[in-house]
Amino acid sequence: QIPRGAALATNSVVDALTRDGTYTITTLDRADAHLQIELKRIEYLQVRSTRDDALRSEELEMTAHLAWSLVDPDNPATILDSGIATGTTRFFVDPNLQTARQNALVDAIKRASDGMIARITEGF
């Protein structure tokens, strides 16, 4: 339901893995593990409202939740590790709220991906 959400998450995870350099991205038949990721939900929280109207947002906080699992490619029933990664960002509400949300989504997913890759590669 989020436009380009899956593509943003995939690109962000590939970028994070490439920057880290610990693992190589390859085809499923040559892989030691298969990383499955699902964009579970996006949450919004009002950070600041206008002076005139407390219900009218001026700044919002977005949190992206990625559920991930590392699966053995030879036996897909064997889960090697799993978890939930979250990424948070703040953005100002402008006249085009849809564009502001889409631009903030890239940053929130990037932060969640970086945390997830750090957990996988470094163990925390």
C-alpha atoms as a PDB file:
ATOM      1  CA  GLN A   1       0.000   0.000   0.000  1.00  0.00           C
ATOM      2  CA  ILE A   2       3.041   2.249   0.126  1.00  0.00           C
ATOM      3  CA  PRO A   3       4.068   3.394  -3.355  1.00  0.00           C
ATOM      4  CA  ARG A   4       7.487   1.958  -4.206  1.00  0.00           C
ATOM      5  CA  GLY A   5       7.920   0.761  -0.603  1.00  0.00           C
ATOM      6  CA  ALA A   6       9.320  -2.642  -1.563  1.00  0.00           C
ATOM      7  CA  ALA A   7      11.734  -1.148  -4.097  1.00  0.00           C
ATOM      8  CA  LEU A   8      12.943   1.442  -1.581  1.00  0.00           C
ATOM      9  CA  ALA A   9      13.533  -1.217   1.065  1.00  0.00           C
ATOM     10  CA  THR A  10      15.352  -3.536  -1.365  1.00  0.00           C
ATOM     11  CA  ASN A  11      17.629  -0.783  -2.674  1.00  0.00           C
ATOM     12  CA  SER A  12      18.377   0.445   0.831  1.00  0.00           C
ATOM     13  CA  VAL A  13      19.336  -3.031   2.063  1.00  0.00           C
ATOM     14  CA  VAL A  14      21.532  -3.682  -0.984  1.00  0.00           C
ATOM     15  CA  ASP A  15      23.271  -0.331  -0.435  1.00  0.00           C
ATOM     16  CA  ALA A  16      23.811  -1.082   3.264  1.00  0.00           C
ATOM     17  CA  LEU A  17      25.234  -4.547   2.504  1.00  0.00           C
ATOM     18  CA  THR A  18      27.518  -3.139  -0.177  1.00  0.00           C
ATOM     19  CA  ARG A  19      28.791  -0.357   2.097  1.00  0.00           C
ATOM     20  CA  ASP A  20      29.450  -2.826   4.910  1.00  0.00           C
ATOM     21  CA  GLY A  21      31.353  -5.268   2.707  1.00  0.00           C
ATOM     22  CA  THR A  22      31.063  -8.247   5.066  1.00  0.00           C
ATOM     23  CA  TYR A  23      28.788 -10.290   2.787  1.00  0.00           C
ATOM     24  CA  THR A  24      28.492 -10.643  -0.971  1.00  0.00           C
ATOM     25  CA  ILE A  25      25.187 -10.424  -2.793  1.00  0.00           C
ATOM     26  CA  THR A  26      24.700 -13.411  -5.074  1.00  0.00           C
ATOM     27  CA  THR A  27      22.035 -15.639  -6.583  1.00  0.00           C
ATOM     28  CA  LEU A  28      19.918 -17.872  -4.376  1.00  0.00           C
ATOM     29  CA  ASP A  29      21.492 -21.100  -5.663  1.00  0.00           C
ATOM     30  CA  ARG A  30      25.003 -19.912  -4.614  1.00  0.00           C
ATOM     31  CA  ALA A  31      24.003 -18.203  -1.352  1.00  0.00           C
ATOM     32  CA  ASP A  32      24.833 -19.304   2.183  1.00  0.00           C
ATOM     33  CA  ALA A  33      21.733 -17.527   3.486  1.00  0.00           C
ATOM     34  CA  HIS A  34      18.606 -15.847   2.129  1.00  0.00           C
ATOM     35  CA  LEU A  35      17.497 -12.529   3.642  1.00  0.00           C
ATOM     36  CA  GLN A  36      13.742 -11.993   3.616  1.00  0.00           C
ATOM     37  CA  ILE A  37      12.395  -8.549   4.511  1.00  0.00           C
ATOM     38  CA  GLU A  38       8.865  -7.278   4.932  1.00  0.00           C
ATOM     39  CA  LEU A  39       7.882  -3.640   5.378  1.00  0.00           C
ATOM     40  CA  LYS A  40       5.455  -4.172   8.261  1.00  0.00           C
ATOM     41  CA  ARG A  41       4.160  -0.678   8.974  1.00  0.00           C
ATOM     42  CA  ILE A  42       4.763   3.035   8.886  1.00  0.00           C
ATOM     43  CA  GLU A  43       3.815   5.105  11.921  1.00  0.00           C
ATOM     44  CA  TYR A  44       3.358   8.858  12.153  1.00  0.00           C
ATOM     45  CA  LEU A  45       3.565  10.973  15.288  1.00  0.00           C
ATOM     46  CA  GLN A  46       2.918  14.673  15.598  1.00  0.00           C
ATOM     47  CA  VAL A  47       6.021  16.431  16.896  1.00  0.00           C
ATOM     48  CA  ARG A  48       4.937  20.040  16.564  1.00  0.00           C
ATOM     49  CA  SER A  49       1.620  21.721  15.848  1.00  0.00           C
ATOM     50  CA  THR A  50       0.803  25.208  14.655  1.00  0.00           C
ATOM     51  CA  ARG A  51       0.247  27.926  17.232  1.00  0.00           C
ATOM     52  CA  ASP A  52      -3.338  28.507  16.147  1.00  0.00           C
ATOM     53  CA  ASP A  53      -4.556  24.915  15.955  1.00  0.00           C
ATOM     54  CA  ALA A  54      -3.208  22.042  18.069  1.00  0.00           C
ATOM     55  CA  LEU A  55      -4.635  19.466  15.643  1.00  0.00           C
ATOM     56  CA  ARG A  56      -2.833  20.899  12.618  1.00  0.00           C
ATOM     57  CA  SER A  57       0.636  19.403  12.331  1.00  0.00           C
ATOM     58  CA  GLU A  58       3.705  21.431  11.500  1.00  0.00           C
ATOM     59  CA  GLU A  59       6.300  18.678  11.995  1.00  0.00           C
ATOM     60  CA  LEU A  60       5.806  14.915  11.925  1.00  0.00           C
ATOM     61  CA  GLU A  61       7.926  11.940  12.933  1.00  0.00           C
ATOM     62  CA  MET A  62       7.858   8.833  10.768  1.00  0.00           C
ATOM     63  CA  THR A  63       8.920   5.378  11.939  1.00  0.00           C
ATOM     64  CA  ALA A  64       9.399   2.523   9.460  1.00  0.00           C
ATOM     65  CA  HIS A  65       9.317  -1.072  10.772  1.00  0.00           C
ATOM     66  CA  LEU A  66      11.075  -3.822   8.797  1.00  0.00           C
ATOM     67  CA  ALA A  67      10.614  -7.458   9.829  1.00  0.00           C
ATOM     68  CA  TRP A  68      13.492  -9.596   8.604  1.00  0.00           C
ATOM     69  CA  SER A  69      14.603 -13.180   8.743  1.00  0.00           C
ATOM     70  CA  LEU A  70      17.779 -14.895   7.604  1.00  0.00           C
ATOM     71  CA  VAL A  71      16.851 -18.279   6.132  1.00  0.00           C
ATOM     72  CA  ASP A  72      18.944 -21.302   5.183  1.00  0.00           C
ATOM     73  CA  PRO A  73      18.533 -21.637   1.378  1.00  0.00           C
ATOM     74  CA  ASP A  74      18.942 -25.428   1.481  1.00  0.00           C
ATOM     75  CA  ASN A  75      16.186 -25.811   4.092  1.00  0.00           C
ATOM     76  CA  PRO A  76      13.783 -22.823   3.992  1.00  0.00           C
ATOM     77  CA  ALA A  77      12.133 -23.999   7.212  1.00  0.00           C
ATOM     78  CA  THR A  78      15.362 -23.255   9.116  1.00  0.00           C
ATOM     79  CA  ILE A  79      15.521 -19.646  10.268  1.00  0.00           C
ATOM     80  CA  LEU A  80      19.069 -18.652  11.168  1.00  0.00           C
ATOM     81  CA  ASP A  81      18.176 -15.278  12.697  1.00  0.00           C
ATOM     82  CA  SER A  82      15.281 -12.829  12.690  1.00  0.00           C
ATOM     83  CA  GLY A  83      14.218  -9.519  14.105  1.00  0.00           C
ATOM     84  CA  ILE A  84      12.523  -6.188  13.584  1.00  0.00           C
ATOM     85  CA  ALA A  85      14.453  -3.092  12.580  1.00  0.00           C
ATOM     86  CA  THR A  86      13.074   0.409  12.971  1.00  0.00           C
ATOM     87  CA  GLY A  87      14.148   3.669  11.412  1.00  0.00           C
ATOM     88  CA  THR A  88      12.886   7.076  12.475  1.00  0.00           C
ATOM     89  CA  THR A  89      13.021  10.450  10.761  1.00  0.00           C
ATOM     90  CA  ARG A  90      11.327  13.823  11.123  1.00  0.00           C
ATOM     91  CA  PHE A  91       9.937  16.060   8.416  1.00  0.00           C
ATOM     92  CA  PHE A  92       8.061  19.312   8.090  1.00  0.00           C
ATOM     93  CA  VAL A  93       4.544  19.383   6.726  1.00  0.00           C
ATOM     94  CA  ASP A  94       4.430  21.412   3.532  1.00  0.00           C
ATOM     95  CA  PRO A  95       1.530  22.047   1.138  1.00  0.00           C
ATOM     96  CA  ASN A  96       2.184  18.745  -0.640  1.00  0.00           C
ATOM     97  CA  LEU A  97       2.097  16.273   2.257  1.00  0.00           C
ATOM     98  CA  GLN A  98       2.320  13.231  -0.015  1.00  0.00           C
ATOM     99  CA  THR A  99       5.663  14.367  -1.433  1.00  0.00           C
ATOM    100  CA  ALA A 100       6.995  15.203   2.041  1.00  0.00           C
ATOM    101  CA  ARG A 101       6.029  11.734   3.306  1.00  0.00           C
ATOM    102  CA  GLN A 102       7.572   9.982   0.305  1.00  0.00           C
ATOM    103  CA  ASN A 103      10.838  11.883   0.726  1.00  0.00           C
ATOM    104  CA  ALA A 104      10.937  11.076   4.448  1.00  0.00           C
ATOM    105  CA  LEU A 105      10.178   7.406   3.768  1.00  0.00           C
ATOM    106  CA  VAL A 106      13.519   7.012   1.968  1.00  0.00           C
ATOM    107  CA  ASP A 107      15.399   8.251   5.046  1.00  0.00           C
ATOM    108  CA  ALA A 108      13.376   6.165   7.525  1.00  0.00           C
ATOM    109  CA  ILE A 109      13.872   2.963   5.520  1.00  0.00           C
ATOM    110  CA  LYS A 110      17.592   3.714   5.132  1.00  0.00           C
ATOM    111  CA  ARG A 111      17.982   4.074   8.890  1.00  0.00           C
ATOM    112  CA  ALA A 112      16.090   0.819   9.486  1.00  0.00           C
ATOM    113  CA  SER A 113      18.202  -0.986   6.863  1.00  0.00           C
ATOM    114  CA  ASP A 114      21.458   0.265   8.366  1.00  0.00           C
ATOM    115  CA  GLY A 115      20.409  -1.001  11.793  1.00  0.00           C
ATOM    116  CA  MET A 116      19.335  -4.360  10.397  1.00  0.00           C
ATOM    117  CA  ILE A 117      22.596  -4.885   8.497  1.00  0.00           C
ATOM    118  CA  ALA A 118      24.610  -3.898  11.574  1.00  0.00           C
ATOM    119  CA  ARG A 119      22.729  -6.557  13.541  1.00  0.00           C
ATOM    120  CA  ILE A 120      23.365  -9.203  10.902  1.00  0.00           C
ATOM    121  CA  THR A 121      27.030  -8.415  10.281  1.00  0.00           C
ATOM    122  CA  GLU A 122      28.152  -7.440  13.767  1.00  0.00           C
ATOM    123  CA  GLY A 123      25.683  -9.361  15.901  1.00  0.00           C
ATOM    124  CA  PHE A 124      24.098  -6.336  17.633  1.00  0.00           C
END
